[in-house]
Amino acid sequence: MKKIVTICTMLIAFMGVAMAQQNSKAEFKFETETHDFGKIPQGKPVTYEFTFTNVGTEPIIISEVRPSCGCSVAEFTKTPVKPGEKGTISVTYNAAAKAPFTKNFTVRSNTKTPVKTLYIKGEVTG
């Protein structure tokens, strides 16, 4: 009987945490979630700044922005973004190889959607 009570208690606690994450009051609204650089020259890194607004009622805290490969880096607003304020995620792609490209950046935060993906694409030419 104790095992059943323990399992039920753990299940209820887990559901409570999951529901608390879904009811988060912080939320992103990006101006765009994909940026197309078009044709860019080989050997010249390119940068784009994604801008977002906090349309929620609690501050947004970004914990991580992870590029999909070592050819890209990201910088982001490290301080909490208050409701109604804007924040940025600046991404840079090293255009070393001639080829079309599509790269993504995984954003982890305390928002209603805790994992968001941003994309850049284009074609490196000679």
Protein backbone atom coordinates (compact mmCIF):
# COMPACT_ATOMS: atom_id res chain seq x y z
CA MET A 1 0.00 0.00 0.00
CA LYS A 2 2.86 2.39 0.82
CA LYS A 3 4.32 1.83 -2.64
CA ILE A 4 1.03 2.74 -4.32
CA VAL A 5 0.74 5.93 -2.25
CA THR A 6 4.36 6.85 -3.03
CA ILE A 7 3.88 6.24 -6.75
CA CYS A 8 0.65 8.29 -6.78
CA THR A 9 2.36 11.15 -4.91
CA MET A 10 5.27 11.17 -7.37
CA LEU A 11 2.88 11.10 -10.33
CA ILE A 12 0.88 14.04 -8.99
CA ALA A 13 4.10 16.01 -8.30
CA PHE A 14 5.36 15.32 -11.84
CA MET A 15 2.05 16.44 -13.36
CA GLY A 16 2.16 19.62 -11.25
CA VAL A 17 5.64 20.51 -12.56
CA ALA A 18 4.58 19.82 -16.15
CA MET A 19 1.47 21.99 -15.79
CA ALA A 20 3.48 24.80 -14.16
CA GLN A 21 5.79 24.85 -17.20
CA GLN A 22 2.80 25.00 -19.56
CA ASN A 23 1.27 27.86 -17.56
CA SER A 24 4.44 29.96 -17.67
CA LYS A 25 3.54 33.59 -18.11
CA ALA A 26 6.66 34.51 -20.14
CA GLU A 27 6.39 34.28 -23.93
CA PHE A 28 8.48 35.20 -27.00
CA LYS A 29 7.17 37.01 -30.06
CA PHE A 30 9.91 37.06 -32.68
CA GLU A 31 9.81 39.49 -35.60
CA THR A 32 10.97 36.52 -37.71
CA GLU A 33 12.16 33.00 -36.87
CA THR A 34 14.01 32.42 -40.16
CA HIS A 35 16.50 34.68 -41.95
CA ASP A 36 17.65 34.17 -45.54
CA PHE A 37 21.06 35.76 -46.23
CA GLY A 38 20.71 35.01 -49.94
CA LYS A 39 24.07 34.73 -51.73
CA ILE A 40 27.06 35.58 -49.56
CA PRO A 41 30.80 35.63 -50.35
CA GLN A 42 33.02 32.77 -49.23
CA GLY A 43 35.37 33.52 -46.34
CA LYS A 44 33.33 36.40 -44.88
CA PRO A 45 31.28 35.60 -41.77
CA VAL A 46 27.73 37.00 -41.76
CA THR A 47 25.63 38.03 -38.76
CA TYR A 48 21.92 38.48 -38.19
CA GLU A 49 20.15 39.74 -35.09
CA PHE A 50 16.83 38.11 -34.22
CA THR A 51 14.68 40.50 -32.18
CA PHE A 52 11.89 39.40 -29.88
CA THR A 53 9.37 41.04 -27.59
CA ASN A 54 8.19 39.58 -24.30
CA VAL A 55 4.42 39.42 -24.81
CA GLY A 56 3.90 37.58 -21.52
CA THR A 57 3.43 38.83 -17.97
CA GLU A 58 6.69 37.54 -16.43
CA PRO A 59 10.35 38.19 -17.40
CA ILE A 60 11.95 35.95 -20.05
CA ILE A 61 15.20 34.34 -19.00
CA ILE A 62 17.21 32.71 -21.80
CA SER A 63 19.43 29.96 -20.40
CA GLU A 64 21.11 28.84 -23.63
CA VAL A 65 21.29 29.34 -27.39
CA ARG A 66 22.98 26.37 -29.03
CA PRO A 67 24.04 26.40 -32.71
CA SER A 68 23.58 23.22 -34.75
CA CYS A 69 27.25 23.17 -35.79
CA GLY A 70 30.67 24.57 -34.97
CA CYS A 71 30.48 26.92 -37.96
CA SER A 72 28.04 29.18 -36.10
CA VAL A 73 27.99 31.13 -32.84
CA ALA A 74 25.28 32.97 -30.94
CA GLU A 75 25.13 35.82 -28.44
CA PHE A 76 21.94 36.68 -26.58
CA THR A 77 20.42 39.02 -24.02
CA LYS A 78 21.70 37.68 -20.69
CA THR A 79 19.51 39.80 -18.39
CA PRO A 80 15.81 39.02 -17.84
CA VAL A 81 13.60 40.64 -20.49
CA LYS A 82 10.63 42.25 -18.74
CA PRO A 83 7.09 42.13 -20.15
CA GLY A 84 6.74 44.51 -23.10
CA GLU A 85 10.52 44.85 -23.54
CA LYS A 86 12.68 43.62 -26.41
CA GLY A 87 15.65 41.29 -26.42
CA THR A 88 18.02 40.00 -29.09
CA ILE A 89 19.75 36.86 -30.24
CA SER A 90 22.66 37.61 -32.56
CA VAL A 91 23.88 34.71 -34.72
CA THR A 92 27.02 34.54 -36.86
CA TYR A 93 27.74 32.00 -39.59
CA ASN A 94 31.30 31.37 -40.83
CA ALA A 95 30.94 31.16 -44.62
CA ALA A 96 33.98 28.93 -45.17
CA ALA A 97 32.67 26.39 -47.69
CA LYS A 98 30.95 27.09 -51.03
CA ALA A 99 27.50 25.53 -50.78
CA PRO A 100 23.92 26.27 -49.83
CA PHE A 101 23.36 26.16 -46.08
CA THR A 102 20.58 25.95 -43.52
CA LYS A 103 21.55 26.16 -39.85
CA ASN A 104 19.45 26.21 -36.72
CA PHE A 105 19.86 27.61 -33.23
CA THR A 106 18.07 26.01 -30.28
CA VAL A 107 16.90 28.56 -27.71
CA ARG A 108 16.18 27.31 -24.17
CA SER A 109 14.27 29.59 -21.80
CA ASN A 110 11.59 29.82 -19.13
CA THR A 111 8.87 30.66 -21.66
CA LYS A 112 5.58 28.90 -22.35
CA THR A 113 7.44 27.19 -25.21
CA PRO A 114 10.72 26.38 -23.39
CA VAL A 115 12.56 25.21 -26.53
CA LYS A 116 12.40 27.40 -29.64
CA THR A 117 14.34 26.97 -32.89
CA LEU A 118 15.58 29.83 -35.07
CA TYR A 119 16.93 29.29 -38.61
CA ILE A 120 19.36 30.95 -41.00
CA LYS A 121 19.91 29.95 -44.61
CA GLY A 122 21.64 31.11 -47.75
CA GLU A 123 24.27 30.16 -50.29
CA VAL A 124 28.01 30.70 -50.04
CA THR A 125 29.47 31.64 -53.43
CA GLY A 126 33.01 32.20 -54.64
